[in-house]
Amino acid sequence: MQRLRIASIFAALALAVAFGTATGAADSHPGEPFTEAKFRALQAQDALVLVDVSASWCSTCARQAQLVSEYRTAHPNVQLHVLRVDFDDQKDWVRYFGAPRQSTLLLYRGSERVWFAVAETRESILFEAFDEAAAG
């Protein structure tokens, strides 16, 4: 009986993942795909840039994306540019940024890295980092 219950839970999770992908949930990620040209241009403008090393299959990445969207909605006057590095397809950039895994966030003010986190999903920590970088 317990094996059946566990199998049912896994089946429900698989359907939720498949449904989320099929409905475009992976496309609701804030920001834009990473390109070196865009990153360098934003650095030259001394812009606030969040480099988000993520993967479409990563639930932690999805939570981070949700929090970034919530921050941008709550702080419309903060010019936070989000560039997504695809963990699976942009391995050179994953190495360049020293990302140990997907769900790595790097915050830059111009050419200076001002914050770094791996798998951080606490709203208070993310919002504080964004606020401090925006103020500085």
N, C-alpha and C. Protein backbone atom coordinates (compact mmCIF):
# COMPACT_ATOMS: atom_id res chain seq x y z
N MET A 1 0.83 -1.20 0.00
CA MET A 1 0.00 0.00 0.00
C MET A 1 0.87 1.26 0.00
N GLN A 2 1.93 1.27 0.83
CA GLN A 2 2.79 2.44 0.88
C GLN A 2 3.55 2.63 -0.44
N ARG A 3 3.95 1.52 -1.07
CA ARG A 3 4.63 1.63 -2.38
C ARG A 3 3.71 2.26 -3.41
N LEU A 4 2.44 1.90 -3.37
CA LEU A 4 1.47 2.47 -4.30
C LEU A 4 1.32 3.96 -4.06
N ARG A 5 1.28 4.37 -2.79
CA ARG A 5 1.16 5.78 -2.46
C ARG A 5 2.38 6.56 -2.94
N ILE A 6 3.57 6.01 -2.75
CA ILE A 6 4.80 6.66 -3.20
C ILE A 6 4.81 6.75 -4.73
N ALA A 7 4.40 5.67 -5.40
CA ALA A 7 4.34 5.68 -6.86
C ALA A 7 3.35 6.74 -7.34
N SER A 8 2.24 6.90 -6.66
CA SER A 8 1.25 7.90 -7.03
C SER A 8 1.81 9.32 -6.87
N ILE A 9 2.56 9.52 -5.80
CA ILE A 9 3.16 10.84 -5.58
C ILE A 9 4.15 11.16 -6.70
N PHE A 10 5.01 10.19 -7.05
CA PHE A 10 5.96 10.41 -8.13
C PHE A 10 5.26 10.66 -9.46
N ALA A 11 4.19 9.94 -9.71
CA ALA A 11 3.44 10.15 -10.95
C ALA A 11 2.83 11.55 -10.98
N ALA A 12 2.30 12.01 -9.85
CA ALA A 12 1.73 13.35 -9.78
C ALA A 12 2.81 14.41 -10.00
N LEU A 13 3.98 14.21 -9.42
CA LEU A 13 5.08 15.16 -9.62
C LEU A 13 5.52 15.19 -11.08
N ALA A 14 5.61 14.04 -11.69
CA ALA A 14 6.00 13.98 -13.10
C ALA A 14 4.99 14.72 -13.97
N LEU A 15 3.71 14.55 -13.69
CA LEU A 15 2.68 15.27 -14.44
C LEU A 15 2.78 16.78 -14.22
N ALA A 16 3.05 17.18 -12.98
CA ALA A 16 3.17 18.61 -12.68
C ALA A 16 4.34 19.22 -13.44
N VAL A 17 5.45 18.51 -13.48
CA VAL A 17 6.62 19.01 -14.21
C VAL A 17 6.31 19.07 -15.71
N ALA A 18 5.72 18.02 -16.23
CA ALA A 18 5.39 18.00 -17.66
C ALA A 18 4.38 19.08 -17.99
N PHE A 19 3.37 19.27 -17.16
CA PHE A 19 2.36 20.28 -17.42
C PHE A 19 2.97 21.67 -17.35
N GLY A 20 3.83 21.92 -16.35
CA GLY A 20 4.47 23.23 -16.22
C GLY A 20 5.31 23.55 -17.43
N THR A 21 6.05 22.57 -17.96
CA THR A 21 6.87 22.79 -19.14
C THR A 21 5.99 22.99 -20.36
N ALA A 22 4.95 22.21 -20.49
CA ALA A 22 4.08 22.30 -21.66
C ALA A 22 3.33 23.62 -21.71
N THR A 23 3.05 24.22 -20.56
CA THR A 23 2.30 25.47 -20.55
C THR A 23 3.20 26.68 -20.60
N GLY A 24 4.50 26.46 -20.75
CA GLY A 24 5.41 27.58 -20.89
C GLY A 24 5.92 28.13 -19.57
N ALA A 25 5.80 27.40 -18.48
CA ALA A 25 6.26 27.88 -17.19
C ALA A 25 7.75 28.20 -17.23
N ALA A 26 8.51 27.44 -17.99
CA ALA A 26 9.94 27.69 -18.07
C ALA A 26 10.22 29.01 -18.78
N ASP A 27 9.29 29.49 -19.60
CA ASP A 27 9.46 30.73 -20.33
C ASP A 27 9.10 31.95 -19.50
N SER A 28 8.58 31.78 -18.29
CA SER A 28 8.17 32.91 -17.48
C SER A 28 9.33 33.47 -16.67
N HIS A 29 10.51 33.01 -16.95
CA HIS A 29 11.71 33.46 -16.26
C HIS A 29 11.97 34.93 -16.59
N PRO A 30 12.28 35.74 -15.56
CA PRO A 30 12.53 37.17 -15.83
C PRO A 30 13.85 37.38 -16.58
N GLY A 31 13.93 38.48 -17.25
CA GLY A 31 15.18 38.83 -17.91
C GLY A 31 15.26 38.32 -19.33
N GLU A 32 16.50 38.19 -19.79
CA GLU A 32 16.75 37.78 -21.17
C GLU A 32 17.93 36.83 -21.21
N PRO A 33 18.05 36.07 -22.29
CA PRO A 33 19.19 35.16 -22.42
C PRO A 33 20.51 35.93 -22.40
N PHE A 34 21.51 35.33 -21.80
CA PHE A 34 22.84 35.94 -21.68
C PHE A 34 23.54 35.96 -23.03
N THR A 35 24.10 37.12 -23.34
CA THR A 35 25.07 37.24 -24.43
C THR A 35 26.21 38.09 -23.91
N GLU A 36 27.41 37.80 -24.39
CA GLU A 36 28.56 38.58 -23.96
C GLU A 36 28.37 40.05 -24.33
N ALA A 37 27.86 40.32 -25.52
CA ALA A 37 27.68 41.70 -25.96
C ALA A 37 26.76 42.47 -25.02
N LYS A 38 25.65 41.87 -24.62
CA LYS A 38 24.71 42.54 -23.72
C LYS A 38 25.35 42.75 -22.35
N PHE A 39 26.04 41.73 -21.84
CA PHE A 39 26.70 41.83 -20.54
C PHE A 39 27.73 42.95 -20.55
N ARG A 40 28.58 42.99 -21.55
CA ARG A 40 29.63 44.02 -21.64
C ARG A 40 29.01 45.42 -21.79
N ALA A 41 27.95 45.53 -22.58
CA ALA A 41 27.29 46.84 -22.76
C ALA A 41 26.72 47.33 -21.43
N LEU A 42 26.08 46.45 -20.67
CA LEU A 42 25.52 46.84 -19.38
C LEU A 42 26.64 47.20 -18.39
N GLN A 43 27.74 46.46 -18.43
CA GLN A 43 28.87 46.80 -17.57
C GLN A 43 29.40 48.19 -17.91
N ALA A 44 29.50 48.50 -19.18
CA ALA A 44 30.01 49.81 -19.61
C ALA A 44 29.10 50.94 -19.14
N GLN A 45 27.83 50.64 -18.94
CA GLN A 45 26.86 51.64 -18.45
C GLN A 45 26.82 51.70 -16.93
N ASP A 46 27.67 50.91 -16.27
CA ASP A 46 27.68 50.81 -14.81
C ASP A 46 26.32 50.36 -14.28
N ALA A 47 25.65 49.49 -15.04
CA ALA A 47 24.31 49.02 -14.70
C ALA A 47 24.36 47.95 -13.62
N LEU A 48 23.22 47.77 -12.97
CA LEU A 48 23.04 46.69 -12.01
C LEU A 48 22.57 45.46 -12.77
N VAL A 49 23.40 44.40 -12.76
CA VAL A 49 23.13 43.21 -13.58
C VAL A 49 23.13 41.97 -12.70
N LEU A 50 22.06 41.21 -12.78
CA LEU A 50 21.99 39.91 -12.12
C LEU A 50 22.23 38.85 -13.19
N VAL A 51 23.33 38.11 -13.03
CA VAL A 51 23.61 36.98 -13.91
C VAL A 51 23.03 35.75 -13.21
N ASP A 52 22.08 35.13 -13.87
CA ASP A 52 21.34 34.00 -13.31
C ASP A 52 21.73 32.74 -14.07
N VAL A 53 22.55 31.91 -13.44
CA VAL A 53 22.96 30.64 -14.05
C VAL A 53 21.88 29.62 -13.68
N SER A 54 21.08 29.24 -14.66
CA SER A 54 19.92 28.41 -14.35
C SER A 54 19.71 27.33 -15.40
N ALA A 55 18.82 26.41 -15.06
CA ALA A 55 18.45 25.32 -15.96
C ALA A 55 16.93 25.19 -15.94
N SER A 56 16.36 24.88 -17.06
CA SER A 56 14.90 24.80 -17.17
C SER A 56 14.31 23.71 -16.28
N TRP A 57 15.08 22.70 -15.95
CA TRP A 57 14.60 21.57 -15.16
C TRP A 57 14.81 21.77 -13.65
N CYS A 58 15.38 22.89 -13.25
CA CYS A 58 15.78 23.13 -11.86
C CYS A 58 14.67 23.81 -11.06
N SER A 59 14.16 23.15 -10.05
CA SER A 59 13.09 23.73 -9.23
C SER A 59 13.60 24.89 -8.38
N THR A 60 14.83 24.83 -7.93
CA THR A 60 15.41 25.95 -7.17
C THR A 60 15.52 27.18 -8.06
N CYS A 61 15.92 26.97 -9.31
CA CYS A 61 16.01 28.07 -10.28
C CYS A 61 14.64 28.70 -10.50
N ALA A 62 13.61 27.88 -10.57
CA ALA A 62 12.26 28.38 -10.76
C ALA A 62 11.84 29.25 -9.58
N ARG A 63 12.18 28.82 -8.37
CA ARG A 63 11.86 29.62 -7.18
C ARG A 63 12.62 30.94 -7.20
N GLN A 64 13.90 30.89 -7.58
CA GLN A 64 14.68 32.12 -7.68
C GLN A 64 14.07 33.06 -8.70
N ALA A 65 13.66 32.53 -9.84
CA ALA A 65 13.05 33.35 -10.89
C ALA A 65 11.77 34.02 -10.37
N GLN A 66 10.99 33.28 -9.61
CA GLN A 66 9.77 33.82 -9.03
C GLN A 66 10.11 34.99 -8.10
N LEU A 67 11.14 34.82 -7.26
CA LEU A 67 11.52 35.88 -6.33
C LEU A 67 12.07 37.11 -7.06
N VAL A 68 12.84 36.89 -8.10
CA VAL A 68 13.35 38.02 -8.89
C VAL A 68 12.19 38.78 -9.52
N SER A 69 11.22 38.07 -10.05
CA SER A 69 10.03 38.72 -10.62
C SER A 69 9.28 39.52 -9.56
N GLU A 70 9.13 38.93 -8.38
CA GLU A 70 8.44 39.62 -7.29
C GLU A 70 9.21 40.88 -6.87
N TYR A 71 10.53 40.78 -6.83
CA TYR A 71 11.34 41.96 -6.48
C TYR A 71 11.14 43.05 -7.52
N ARG A 72 11.22 42.69 -8.78
CA ARG A 72 11.09 43.70 -9.84
C ARG A 72 9.71 44.34 -9.82
N THR A 73 8.68 43.57 -9.49
CA THR A 73 7.33 44.12 -9.39
C THR A 73 7.22 45.07 -8.20
N ALA A 74 7.81 44.69 -7.08
CA ALA A 74 7.74 45.49 -5.86
C ALA A 74 8.65 46.72 -5.91
N HIS A 75 9.65 46.69 -6.78
CA HIS A 75 10.62 47.79 -6.87
C HIS A 75 10.77 48.24 -8.32
N PRO A 76 9.71 48.82 -8.90
CA PRO A 76 9.76 49.17 -10.32
C PRO A 76 10.80 50.25 -10.66
N ASN A 77 11.24 51.01 -9.69
CA ASN A 77 12.22 52.07 -9.95
C ASN A 77 13.66 51.57 -9.94
N VAL A 78 13.88 50.32 -9.51
CA VAL A 78 15.22 49.74 -9.51
C VAL A 78 15.48 49.14 -10.89
N GLN A 79 16.51 49.61 -11.55
CA GLN A 79 16.88 49.10 -12.86
C GLN A 79 17.77 47.87 -12.69
N LEU A 80 17.14 46.72 -12.45
CA LEU A 80 17.84 45.46 -12.29
C LEU A 80 17.73 44.68 -13.59
N HIS A 81 18.85 44.56 -14.29
CA HIS A 81 18.88 43.81 -15.54
C HIS A 81 19.21 42.36 -15.21
N VAL A 82 18.46 41.44 -15.78
CA VAL A 82 18.66 40.02 -15.52
C VAL A 82 19.09 39.33 -16.81
N LEU A 83 20.25 38.68 -16.75
CA LEU A 83 20.76 37.91 -17.88
C LEU A 83 20.86 36.45 -17.46
N ARG A 84 20.20 35.56 -18.21
CA ARG A 84 20.16 34.14 -17.87
C ARG A 84 21.23 33.38 -18.64
N VAL A 85 22.12 32.74 -17.90
CA VAL A 85 23.10 31.82 -18.49
C VAL A 85 22.50 30.42 -18.41
N ASP A 86 22.36 29.76 -19.54
CA ASP A 86 21.81 28.41 -19.58
C ASP A 86 22.88 27.43 -19.10
N PHE A 87 22.62 26.82 -17.96
CA PHE A 87 23.58 25.91 -17.34
C PHE A 87 23.95 24.75 -18.26
N ASP A 88 23.00 24.28 -19.03
CA ASP A 88 23.24 23.12 -19.88
C ASP A 88 23.91 23.47 -21.21
N ASP A 89 23.62 24.65 -21.75
CA ASP A 89 24.08 24.98 -23.10
C ASP A 89 25.18 26.04 -23.18
N GLN A 90 25.47 26.72 -22.07
CA GLN A 90 26.48 27.77 -22.09
C GLN A 90 27.60 27.46 -21.08
N LYS A 91 28.18 26.29 -21.23
CA LYS A 91 29.19 25.81 -20.27
C LYS A 91 30.40 26.73 -20.17
N ASP A 92 30.81 27.37 -21.27
CA ASP A 92 31.95 28.29 -21.20
C ASP A 92 31.65 29.43 -20.24
N TRP A 93 30.43 29.95 -20.29
CA TRP A 93 30.06 31.04 -19.40
C TRP A 93 29.83 30.56 -17.97
N VAL A 94 29.33 29.36 -17.82
CA VAL A 94 29.20 28.77 -16.47
C VAL A 94 30.58 28.74 -15.81
N ARG A 95 31.59 28.28 -16.55
CA ARG A 95 32.96 28.25 -16.02
C ARG A 95 33.51 29.66 -15.81
N TYR A 96 33.26 30.54 -16.75
CA TYR A 96 33.75 31.92 -16.64
C TYR A 96 33.28 32.56 -15.34
N PHE A 97 32.01 32.36 -15.01
CA PHE A 97 31.45 32.96 -13.80
C PHE A 97 31.76 32.15 -12.53
N GLY A 98 32.37 30.98 -12.70
CA GLY A 98 32.72 30.16 -11.54
C GLY A 98 31.50 29.58 -10.85
N ALA A 99 30.46 29.33 -11.62
CA ALA A 99 29.23 28.79 -11.05
C ALA A 99 29.40 27.30 -10.75
N PRO A 100 29.31 26.91 -9.50
CA PRO A 100 29.50 25.50 -9.16
C PRO A 100 28.34 24.61 -9.60
N ARG A 101 27.18 25.23 -9.85
CA ARG A 101 26.00 24.48 -10.26
C ARG A 101 24.94 25.46 -10.76
N GLN A 102 23.85 24.90 -11.30
CA GLN A 102 22.72 25.74 -11.64
C GLN A 102 22.20 26.37 -10.35
N SER A 103 21.38 27.35 -10.45
CA SER A 103 20.85 28.13 -9.33
C SER A 103 21.91 29.01 -8.69
N THR A 104 22.89 29.42 -9.50
CA THR A 104 23.91 30.36 -9.04
C THR A 104 23.50 31.76 -9.51
N LEU A 105 23.53 32.70 -8.58
CA LEU A 105 23.21 34.09 -8.88
C LEU A 105 24.44 34.95 -8.61
N LEU A 106 24.76 35.84 -9.56
CA LEU A 106 25.88 36.76 -9.42
C LEU A 106 25.36 38.16 -9.71
N LEU A 107 25.62 39.07 -8.82
CA LEU A 107 25.14 40.44 -8.97
C LEU A 107 26.32 41.36 -9.24
N TYR A 108 26.22 42.12 -10.31
CA TYR A 108 27.28 43.04 -10.72
C TYR A 108 26.76 44.46 -10.71
N ARG A 109 27.63 45.37 -10.28
CA ARG A 109 27.42 46.81 -10.48
C ARG A 109 28.56 47.22 -11.40
N GLY A 110 28.23 47.44 -12.66
CA GLY A 110 29.29 47.69 -13.64
C GLY A 110 30.15 46.46 -13.77
N SER A 111 31.46 46.62 -13.66
CA SER A 111 32.36 45.47 -13.79
C SER A 111 32.68 44.80 -12.46
N GLU A 112 32.15 45.32 -11.37
CA GLU A 112 32.44 44.76 -10.05
C GLU A 112 31.35 43.77 -9.61
N ARG A 113 31.78 42.57 -9.26
CA ARG A 113 30.83 41.61 -8.68
C ARG A 113 30.62 42.00 -7.23
N VAL A 114 29.36 42.27 -6.87
CA VAL A 114 29.06 42.75 -5.52
C VAL A 114 28.36 41.71 -4.66
N TRP A 115 27.93 40.60 -5.28
CA TRP A 115 27.22 39.57 -4.51
C TRP A 115 27.20 38.29 -5.31
N PHE A 116 27.17 37.16 -4.58
CA PHE A 116 27.21 35.83 -5.19
C PHE A 116 26.47 34.89 -4.26
N ALA A 117 25.64 34.02 -4.82
CA ALA A 117 24.94 33.03 -4.00
C ALA A 117 24.64 31.79 -4.84
N VAL A 118 24.58 30.67 -4.16
CA VAL A 118 24.24 29.40 -4.80
C VAL A 118 23.02 28.82 -4.08
N ALA A 119 21.98 28.57 -4.84
CA ALA A 119 20.75 27.92 -4.36
C ALA A 119 20.03 28.74 -3.28
N GLU A 120 20.23 30.04 -3.28
CA GLU A 120 19.57 30.90 -2.28
C GLU A 120 18.13 31.15 -2.70
N THR A 121 17.19 30.84 -1.81
CA THR A 121 15.78 31.05 -2.10
C THR A 121 15.05 31.79 -0.98
N ARG A 122 15.80 32.38 -0.07
CA ARG A 122 15.16 33.16 0.98
C ARG A 122 14.92 34.59 0.46
N GLU A 123 13.66 34.97 0.44
CA GLU A 123 13.30 36.28 -0.08
C GLU A 123 14.08 37.39 0.61
N SER A 124 14.19 37.33 1.93
CA SER A 124 14.85 38.41 2.67
C SER A 124 16.31 38.57 2.23
N ILE A 125 17.00 37.48 1.98
CA ILE A 125 18.40 37.54 1.57
C ILE A 125 18.52 38.14 0.17
N LEU A 126 17.71 37.66 -0.76
CA LEU A 126 17.77 38.17 -2.12
C LEU A 126 17.39 39.65 -2.19
N PHE A 127 16.28 40.00 -1.55
CA PHE A 127 15.82 41.38 -1.60
C PHE A 127 16.84 42.32 -0.97
N GLU A 128 17.43 41.90 0.12
CA GLU A 128 18.45 42.74 0.79
C GLU A 128 19.66 42.95 -0.12
N ALA A 129 20.11 41.89 -0.78
CA ALA A 129 21.26 42.00 -1.69
C ALA A 129 20.93 42.95 -2.84
N PHE A 130 19.74 42.83 -3.42
CA PHE A 130 19.35 43.69 -4.53
C PHE A 130 19.24 45.14 -4.07
N ASP A 131 18.63 45.34 -2.89
CA ASP A 131 18.49 46.70 -2.35
C ASP A 131 19.84 47.36 -2.09
N GLU A 132 20.75 46.62 -1.48
CA GLU A 132 22.08 47.16 -1.18
C GLU A 132 22.84 47.52 -2.47
N ALA A 133 22.76 46.64 -3.45
CA ALA A 133 23.46 46.91 -4.71
C ALA A 133 22.83 48.10 -5.44
N ALA A 134 21.51 48.22 -5.37
CA ALA A 134 20.83 49.33 -6.04
C ALA A 134 21.18 50.66 -5.37
N ALA A 135 21.35 50.63 -4.05
CA ALA A 135 21.67 51.86 -3.31
C ALA A 135 23.12 52.28 -3.50
N GLY A 136 23.99 51.31 -3.77
CA GLY A 136 25.42 51.58 -3.83
C GLY A 136 25.85 51.95 -5.17
